[in-house]
Protein backbone atom coordinates (compact mmCIF):
# COMPACT_ATOMS: atom_id res chain seq x y z
CA MET A 1 0.75 -14.94 -53.28
CA SER A 2 2.60 -13.18 -50.45
CA ILE A 3 3.17 -14.60 -47.00
CA PRO A 4 3.36 -12.45 -43.84
CA ARG A 5 6.93 -11.92 -42.69
CA VAL A 6 8.50 -10.27 -39.65
CA VAL A 7 10.97 -7.76 -41.09
CA GLU A 8 11.93 -6.07 -37.82
CA ALA A 9 12.16 -7.40 -34.28
CA GLU A 10 13.75 -5.74 -31.28
CA PHE A 11 13.86 -6.42 -27.55
CA ILE A 12 12.52 -3.35 -25.74
CA LYS A 13 12.17 -4.04 -22.04
CA SER A 14 11.72 -6.56 -19.23
CA ALA A 15 9.17 -5.98 -16.49
CA GLN A 16 8.32 -7.69 -13.22
CA SER A 17 4.60 -6.99 -13.37
CA ILE A 18 1.92 -4.97 -15.12
CA ALA A 19 2.90 -1.97 -12.96
CA ASP A 20 6.29 -1.46 -14.66
CA SER A 21 5.28 -2.73 -18.12
CA LEU A 22 5.33 -0.68 -21.30
CA PRO A 23 2.43 1.70 -22.04
CA GLU A 24 -0.54 0.00 -23.69
CA ASN A 25 -0.10 1.85 -26.96
CA MET A 26 0.33 -1.13 -29.28
CA SER A 27 -1.60 -4.37 -29.84
CA GLU A 28 0.10 -7.30 -28.17
CA VAL A 29 0.52 -11.02 -28.80
CA VAL A 30 1.23 -12.89 -25.58
CA PHE A 31 3.20 -16.15 -25.60
CA LEU A 32 2.61 -18.35 -22.57
CA GLY A 33 3.42 -21.93 -21.69
CA ARG A 34 5.08 -24.28 -19.29
CA SER A 35 8.76 -23.94 -18.57
CA ASN A 36 10.87 -25.77 -21.15
CA VAL A 37 8.08 -25.84 -23.76
CA GLY A 38 10.29 -23.94 -26.20
CA LYS A 39 9.01 -20.36 -25.97
CA SER A 40 12.36 -18.73 -26.67
CA SER A 41 13.15 -20.91 -29.67
CA THR A 42 9.62 -20.35 -31.01
CA LEU A 43 9.95 -16.57 -30.71
CA ASN A 44 13.36 -16.67 -32.38
CA SER A 45 12.02 -18.85 -35.16
CA LEU A 46 8.91 -16.74 -35.79
CA THR A 47 10.96 -13.53 -35.97
CA GLN A 48 13.85 -15.17 -37.84
CA ARG A 49 16.25 -13.80 -35.24
CA LYS A 50 18.63 -16.34 -33.77
CA ASN A 51 19.10 -14.69 -30.36
CA LEU A 52 16.14 -12.33 -29.96
CA ALA A 53 14.75 -14.29 -27.02
CA LYS A 54 17.39 -15.88 -24.85
CA SER A 55 16.87 -19.47 -23.73
CA SER A 56 17.80 -20.26 -20.17
CA ALA A 57 19.81 -23.38 -19.45
CA THR A 58 17.70 -23.76 -16.33
CA PRO A 59 13.95 -24.07 -16.96
CA GLY A 60 11.99 -21.73 -14.75
CA LYS A 61 14.80 -19.22 -14.41
CA THR A 62 13.26 -16.54 -16.62
CA GLN A 63 11.06 -14.63 -14.19
CA LEU A 64 10.37 -11.45 -16.13
CA ILE A 65 7.80 -10.30 -18.69
CA ASN A 66 9.78 -9.55 -21.85
CA PHE A 67 8.57 -7.13 -24.53
CA PHE A 68 9.60 -7.23 -28.18
CA GLU A 69 8.46 -4.78 -30.83
CA THR A 70 8.07 -6.35 -34.25
CA ARG A 71 6.95 -5.20 -37.67
CA TYR A 72 5.26 -7.35 -40.28
CA LEU A 73 5.34 -6.80 -44.01
CA TYR A 74 2.43 -8.26 -45.95
CA ASN A 75 1.26 -7.30 -49.44
CA GLU A 76 3.53 -4.24 -49.23
CA GLN A 77 1.73 -3.06 -46.09
CA SER A 78 3.45 -2.55 -42.72
CA TYR A 79 1.90 -3.91 -39.50
CA PRO A 80 3.50 -3.15 -36.09
CA VAL A 81 2.87 -5.72 -33.34
CA ARG A 82 4.31 -6.19 -29.86
CA PHE A 83 5.26 -9.71 -28.80
CA VAL A 84 5.19 -10.43 -25.07
CA ASP A 85 7.04 -13.41 -23.63
CA LEU A 86 5.60 -14.37 -20.24
CA PRO A 87 7.54 -16.33 -17.60
CA GLY A 88 7.15 -20.09 -17.91
CA PHE A 89 4.82 -21.67 -15.40
CA GLY A 90 4.75 -24.98 -13.59
CA TYR A 91 8.41 -25.70 -13.02
CA ALA A 92 8.61 -28.05 -10.04
CA LYS A 93 12.00 -26.97 -8.69
CA VAL A 94 11.04 -23.33 -8.24
CA SER A 95 10.34 -22.41 -4.61
CA LYS A 96 6.72 -22.12 -3.51
CA SER A 97 7.10 -18.45 -2.57
CA LEU A 98 8.58 -17.61 -5.98
CA LYS A 99 5.80 -19.51 -7.71
CA GLU A 100 3.23 -17.45 -5.85
CA VAL A 101 4.86 -14.18 -6.91
CA TRP A 102 4.99 -15.35 -10.54
CA GLN A 103 1.39 -16.46 -10.54
CA LYS A 104 0.19 -13.20 -9.00
CA ASN A 105 2.06 -11.14 -11.58
CA LEU A 106 0.96 -13.34 -14.48
CA VAL A 107 -2.67 -13.43 -13.42
CA GLU A 108 -2.78 -9.65 -13.04
CA PHE A 109 -1.08 -9.13 -16.39
CA ILE A 110 -3.21 -11.46 -18.51
CA GLN A 111 -6.45 -10.37 -16.84
CA HIS A 112 -6.00 -6.62 -16.90
CA ARG A 113 -3.65 -5.84 -19.80
CA VAL A 114 -6.01 -4.10 -22.24
CA SER A 115 -3.60 -4.20 -25.19
CA ILE A 116 -3.50 -8.01 -25.37
CA ARG A 117 -5.30 -9.17 -28.52
CA LEU A 118 -4.01 -12.72 -28.92
CA PHE A 119 -2.97 -15.39 -26.42
CA ILE A 120 -0.68 -18.00 -27.96
CA HIS A 121 -0.54 -20.96 -25.58
CA LEU A 122 2.43 -23.18 -26.38
CA ARG A 123 1.91 -26.81 -25.38
CA ASP A 124 4.32 -29.73 -25.62
CA ALA A 125 3.05 -32.12 -28.30
CA ARG A 126 4.46 -35.05 -26.31
CA HIS A 127 2.28 -34.18 -23.30
CA PRO A 128 -0.92 -32.76 -24.83
CA HIS A 129 -3.11 -33.43 -21.79
CA ALA A 130 -0.91 -31.90 -19.08
CA LYS A 131 -3.27 -30.74 -16.34
CA ILE A 132 -1.53 -27.41 -15.83
CA ASP A 133 -2.08 -26.55 -19.52
CA ASP A 134 -5.74 -27.55 -19.31
CA ASP A 135 -6.12 -25.42 -16.18
CA VAL A 136 -4.55 -22.38 -17.84
CA GLU A 137 -6.80 -22.70 -20.90
CA HIS A 138 -9.90 -23.01 -18.73
CA TYR A 139 -8.84 -20.09 -16.58
CA ILE A 140 -8.31 -17.72 -19.53
CA SER A 141 -11.61 -18.81 -21.07
CA GLU A 142 -13.38 -17.37 -18.03
CA PHE A 143 -12.35 -13.75 -18.70
CA ILE A 144 -11.23 -13.53 -22.35
CA ARG A 145 -12.78 -10.53 -24.10
CA PRO A 146 -14.66 -10.56 -27.42
CA ASP A 147 -11.79 -8.66 -29.07
CA GLN A 148 -9.25 -11.28 -27.93
CA LYS A 149 -8.42 -14.66 -29.41
CA TYR A 150 -6.89 -17.77 -27.83
CA LEU A 151 -4.69 -20.02 -29.96
CA THR A 152 -3.22 -23.39 -29.00
CA VAL A 153 0.13 -24.14 -30.63
CA PHE A 154 1.88 -27.47 -30.13
CA THR A 155 5.68 -27.39 -30.08
CA LYS A 156 8.13 -30.27 -30.47
CA ILE A 157 5.92 -31.91 -33.09
CA ASP A 158 9.03 -33.55 -34.57
CA LYS A 159 9.02 -35.93 -31.61
CA LEU A 160 5.71 -37.48 -32.74
CA ASN A 161 5.11 -40.06 -35.44
CA GLN A 162 2.43 -39.66 -38.10
CA LYS A 163 -0.21 -41.56 -36.16
CA GLU A 164 0.39 -39.48 -33.02
CA ARG A 165 0.19 -36.25 -35.03
CA ALA A 166 -3.12 -37.26 -36.58
CA LYS A 167 -4.51 -38.09 -33.13
CA LEU A 168 -3.38 -34.71 -31.81
CA LYS A 169 -5.17 -32.85 -34.61
CA ARG A 170 -8.37 -34.80 -33.96
CA GLU A 171 -8.27 -34.06 -30.24
CA PHE A 172 -7.39 -30.38 -30.66
CA PRO A 173 -9.19 -29.05 -33.75
CA GLY A 174 -8.16 -25.51 -34.58
CA SER A 175 -4.72 -25.91 -33.02
CA ILE A 176 -1.47 -25.44 -34.91
CA THR A 177 1.43 -27.88 -34.83
CA LEU A 178 4.82 -26.20 -34.97
CA SER A 179 8.23 -27.46 -35.94
CA ASN A 180 11.00 -24.96 -35.25
CA LEU A 181 13.39 -27.45 -36.82
CA LYS A 182 11.59 -27.67 -40.16
CA LYS A 183 9.88 -24.26 -39.89
CA ASN A 184 6.47 -25.89 -40.33
CA GLY A 185 3.38 -24.06 -39.06
CA HIS A 186 4.99 -20.63 -38.80
CA ASP A 187 3.14 -19.09 -41.74
CA ARG A 188 -0.21 -20.03 -40.21
CA VAL A 189 0.73 -18.42 -36.89
CA HIS A 190 1.71 -15.21 -38.70
CA GLN A 191 -1.58 -15.19 -40.62
CA ILE A 192 -3.66 -15.59 -37.46
CA ILE A 193 -1.74 -12.75 -35.78
CA LEU A 194 -2.49 -10.36 -38.64
CA GLN A 195 -6.06 -11.54 -38.98
CA THR A 196 -6.80 -11.17 -35.25
CA ILE A 197 -5.18 -7.78 -34.75
CA PHE A 198 -5.65 -6.03 -38.08
CA GLY A 199 -8.51 -7.96 -39.68
CA VAL A 200 -6.27 -8.79 -42.62
CA GLU A 201 -8.00 -11.25 -44.92
CA ASP A 202 -6.27 -14.60 -44.84
CA GLU A 203 -5.82 -15.08 -48.57
CA ALA A 204 -3.16 -17.74 -48.12
CA LYS A 205 -5.10 -19.82 -45.58
CA SER A 206 -6.26 -22.59 -47.87
CA LYS A 207 -2.78 -22.96 -49.33
CA SER A 208 -1.20 -22.94 -45.86
CA ASP A 209 -3.65 -25.53 -44.52
CA THR A 210 -2.90 -27.82 -47.44
CA VAL A 211 0.83 -27.39 -46.91
CA GLN A 212 0.52 -28.20 -43.20
CA GLU A 213 -1.58 -31.28 -43.90
CA ASN A 214 1.06 -32.53 -46.30
CA GLU A 215 3.84 -31.77 -43.79
CA GLU A 216 2.07 -33.77 -41.11
CA LYS A 217 1.93 -36.78 -43.42
CA GLU A 218 5.69 -36.74 -43.93
């Protein structure tokens, strides 16, 4: 049974806003989350490229919308997808004026970018009820289109014990827990991407779910 794999991944362009973004000629997966949630490491891990997305030593420093063109291989079929890394939100030390510019650009992009098919909201497993994350989820729910999907992915799951992981899954059914250290949860993310954008039947879902359940018990 084959598993979806990213076989090509390339940084294409950075943009300040929707106005200077790439043409909307490819389906897009948007990664959004608070500063320091691990977006860069998650993108690198999903694409199996060590330095595709560059992590900033200073959270909140990455202010641009970054575009990456990727290609999946699954059951000998090729599937091109564009990954979009949005600036992190909610970093306290960023100036108020800069925050306002970011928020304006982000709001415009996620509301009006027609090519977005999947929102992947990365949340810190150690702080699952952060208000800013709840606010973002509620906000997107108000305008998300029928052809779009919203997926909650918890990073830094390694920091939780078994009891805390079980509680997280109960409180957020349908979410995915991700370990970039152990590479757990990545296959499920890939499957949802292909299913959402291309309607690819998720033949490995039951196996993947069982694997993740066993991983969470470790």
